[in-house]
Amino acid sequence: MQLSSPEPELVWTPEALAKLNNVPFFARTQAKSRSEALARARWTTVITVEVIEEARAEFGQ
């Protein structure tokens, strides 16, 4: 049996949260999920405006 380690908690900077809140409500959940997925893929636990912008560019938004 393999034990999986819990995923680290992600921390959003105030600037990143403000940017996320500017995303239309119907797309906000998807933008949040994509940003968090990108942060985890890059082994970072802090979501910044840069991470949001990179996620947006990577997913063609």
N, C-alpha and C. Protein backbone atom coordinates (compact mmCIF):
# COMPACT_ATOMS: atom_id res chain seq x y z
N MET A 1 0.84 -1.18 0.00
CA MET A 1 0.00 0.00 0.00
C MET A 1 0.88 1.25 0.00
N GLN A 2 0.60 2.16 -0.90
CA GLN A 2 1.36 3.39 -0.97
C GLN A 2 0.63 4.49 -0.22
N LEU A 3 1.40 5.24 0.51
CA LEU A 3 0.83 6.39 1.19
C LEU A 3 1.08 7.62 0.34
N SER A 4 0.06 8.39 0.17
CA SER A 4 0.25 9.62 -0.60
C SER A 4 0.39 10.77 0.38
N SER A 5 1.30 11.65 0.06
CA SER A 5 1.49 12.81 0.92
C SER A 5 0.41 13.84 0.58
N PRO A 6 -0.07 14.54 1.59
CA PRO A 6 -1.08 15.56 1.30
C PRO A 6 -0.48 16.69 0.48
N GLU A 7 -1.31 17.27 -0.35
CA GLU A 7 -0.82 18.38 -1.16
C GLU A 7 -0.64 19.59 -0.25
N PRO A 8 0.42 20.35 -0.50
CA PRO A 8 0.65 21.53 0.35
C PRO A 8 -0.45 22.57 0.14
N GLU A 9 -0.70 23.31 1.18
CA GLU A 9 -1.70 24.37 1.09
C GLU A 9 -1.15 25.52 0.25
N LEU A 10 -1.98 26.02 -0.62
CA LEU A 10 -1.57 27.13 -1.49
C LEU A 10 -1.98 28.45 -0.84
N VAL A 11 -1.09 29.42 -0.96
CA VAL A 11 -1.33 30.75 -0.41
C VAL A 11 -1.45 31.73 -1.57
N TRP A 12 -2.49 32.52 -1.54
CA TRP A 12 -2.71 33.53 -2.59
C TRP A 12 -2.26 34.89 -2.05
N THR A 13 -1.47 35.61 -2.85
CA THR A 13 -1.10 36.96 -2.46
C THR A 13 -2.33 37.86 -2.61
N PRO A 14 -2.37 38.96 -1.88
CA PRO A 14 -3.52 39.88 -2.02
C PRO A 14 -3.70 40.37 -3.46
N GLU A 15 -2.59 40.62 -4.15
CA GLU A 15 -2.66 41.08 -5.53
C GLU A 15 -3.26 40.01 -6.45
N ALA A 16 -2.88 38.75 -6.20
CA ALA A 16 -3.41 37.65 -7.00
C ALA A 16 -4.91 37.48 -6.74
N LEU A 17 -5.32 37.60 -5.50
CA LEU A 17 -6.75 37.50 -5.19
C LEU A 17 -7.53 38.63 -5.85
N ALA A 18 -6.96 39.81 -5.86
CA ALA A 18 -7.63 40.94 -6.52
C ALA A 18 -7.78 40.67 -8.01
N LYS A 19 -6.73 40.11 -8.62
CA LYS A 19 -6.78 39.79 -10.05
C LYS A 19 -7.83 38.70 -10.30
N LEU A 20 -7.86 37.69 -9.44
CA LEU A 20 -8.85 36.62 -9.58
C LEU A 20 -10.27 37.19 -9.47
N ASN A 21 -10.46 38.14 -8.58
CA ASN A 21 -11.79 38.73 -8.41
C ASN A 21 -12.22 39.58 -9.60
N ASN A 22 -11.27 39.95 -10.46
CA ASN A 22 -11.60 40.68 -11.67
C ASN A 22 -12.04 39.76 -12.81
N VAL A 23 -11.84 38.48 -12.64
CA VAL A 23 -12.27 37.49 -13.65
C VAL A 23 -13.80 37.38 -13.54
N PRO A 24 -14.51 37.35 -14.66
CA PRO A 24 -15.97 37.19 -14.59
C PRO A 24 -16.36 35.97 -13.75
N PHE A 25 -17.42 36.11 -12.97
CA PHE A 25 -17.80 35.08 -12.00
C PHE A 25 -17.96 33.70 -12.64
N PHE A 26 -18.43 33.63 -13.89
CA PHE A 26 -18.66 32.34 -14.52
C PHE A 26 -17.37 31.63 -14.93
N ALA A 27 -16.26 32.35 -14.96
CA ALA A 27 -14.97 31.76 -15.32
C ALA A 27 -14.00 31.71 -14.14
N ARG A 28 -14.40 32.26 -13.01
CA ARG A 28 -13.50 32.39 -11.86
C ARG A 28 -13.05 31.04 -11.31
N THR A 29 -13.95 30.08 -11.20
CA THR A 29 -13.59 28.77 -10.66
C THR A 29 -12.56 28.09 -11.55
N GLN A 30 -12.75 28.18 -12.84
CA GLN A 30 -11.80 27.58 -13.77
C GLN A 30 -10.46 28.29 -13.71
N ALA A 31 -10.46 29.60 -13.63
CA ALA A 31 -9.20 30.36 -13.54
C ALA A 31 -8.46 30.00 -12.26
N LYS A 32 -9.19 29.85 -11.18
CA LYS A 32 -8.57 29.47 -9.89
C LYS A 32 -7.96 28.08 -9.99
N SER A 33 -8.70 27.14 -10.54
CA SER A 33 -8.21 25.76 -10.68
C SER A 33 -6.96 25.70 -11.55
N ARG A 34 -6.98 26.41 -12.65
CA ARG A 34 -5.83 26.41 -13.56
C ARG A 34 -4.60 27.04 -12.92
N SER A 35 -4.80 28.11 -12.19
CA SER A 35 -3.69 28.76 -11.51
C SER A 35 -3.10 27.85 -10.44
N GLU A 36 -3.96 27.19 -9.69
CA GLU A 36 -3.48 26.28 -8.64
C GLU A 36 -2.78 25.07 -9.25
N ALA A 37 -3.29 24.55 -10.35
CA ALA A 37 -2.65 23.42 -11.01
C ALA A 37 -1.26 23.80 -11.51
N LEU A 38 -1.14 24.98 -12.08
CA LEU A 38 0.16 25.44 -12.56
C LEU A 38 1.13 25.63 -11.40
N ALA A 39 0.67 26.20 -10.32
CA ALA A 39 1.54 26.38 -9.15
C ALA A 39 2.04 25.03 -8.63
N ARG A 40 1.14 24.06 -8.53
CA ARG A 40 1.56 22.73 -8.06
C ARG A 40 2.53 22.08 -9.03
N ALA A 41 2.30 22.25 -10.32
CA ALA A 41 3.20 21.67 -11.32
C ALA A 41 4.59 22.29 -11.23
N ARG A 42 4.65 23.52 -10.79
CA ARG A 42 5.94 24.22 -10.67
C ARG A 42 6.50 24.15 -9.25
N TRP A 43 5.89 23.35 -8.40
CA TRP A 43 6.35 23.13 -7.03
C TRP A 43 6.44 24.43 -6.23
N THR A 44 5.46 25.28 -6.39
CA THR A 44 5.40 26.49 -5.59
C THR A 44 4.10 26.49 -4.80
N THR A 45 4.12 27.12 -3.65
CA THR A 45 2.91 27.15 -2.83
C THR A 45 2.30 28.55 -2.75
N VAL A 46 2.92 29.50 -3.44
CA VAL A 46 2.40 30.87 -3.43
C VAL A 46 1.88 31.23 -4.81
N ILE A 47 0.62 31.62 -4.86
CA ILE A 47 0.01 32.05 -6.12
C ILE A 47 0.16 33.57 -6.20
N THR A 48 0.86 34.00 -7.23
CA THR A 48 1.08 35.42 -7.47
C THR A 48 0.36 35.82 -8.76
N VAL A 49 0.38 37.11 -9.04
CA VAL A 49 -0.20 37.61 -10.29
C VAL A 49 0.52 36.95 -11.47
N GLU A 50 1.82 36.75 -11.33
CA GLU A 50 2.59 36.13 -12.41
C GLU A 50 2.10 34.71 -12.70
N VAL A 51 1.78 33.95 -11.66
CA VAL A 51 1.27 32.59 -11.85
C VAL A 51 -0.07 32.64 -12.58
N ILE A 52 -0.93 33.57 -12.21
CA ILE A 52 -2.23 33.70 -12.88
C ILE A 52 -2.04 34.04 -14.35
N GLU A 53 -1.14 34.99 -14.63
CA GLU A 53 -0.87 35.37 -16.02
C GLU A 53 -0.29 34.21 -16.82
N GLU A 54 0.62 33.44 -16.21
CA GLU A 54 1.19 32.29 -16.90
C GLU A 54 0.13 31.24 -17.18
N ALA A 55 -0.74 30.99 -16.21
CA ALA A 55 -1.82 30.02 -16.41
C ALA A 55 -2.75 30.48 -17.52
N ARG A 56 -3.04 31.76 -17.53
CA ARG A 56 -3.91 32.32 -18.57
C ARG A 56 -3.28 32.13 -19.95
N ALA A 57 -2.00 32.42 -20.08
CA ALA A 57 -1.30 32.28 -21.36
C ALA A 57 -1.18 30.82 -21.76
N GLU A 58 -0.88 29.96 -20.80
CA GLU A 58 -0.70 28.53 -21.09
C GLU A 58 -2.00 27.89 -21.58
N PHE A 59 -3.11 28.32 -21.02
CA PHE A 59 -4.38 27.72 -21.39
C PHE A 59 -5.11 28.51 -22.46
N GLY A 60 -4.42 29.47 -23.06
CA GLY A 60 -4.97 30.18 -24.21
C GLY A 60 -6.10 31.12 -23.91
N GLN A 61 -6.09 31.76 -22.80
CA GLN A 61 -7.17 32.69 -22.43
C GLN A 61 -6.73 34.10 -22.67
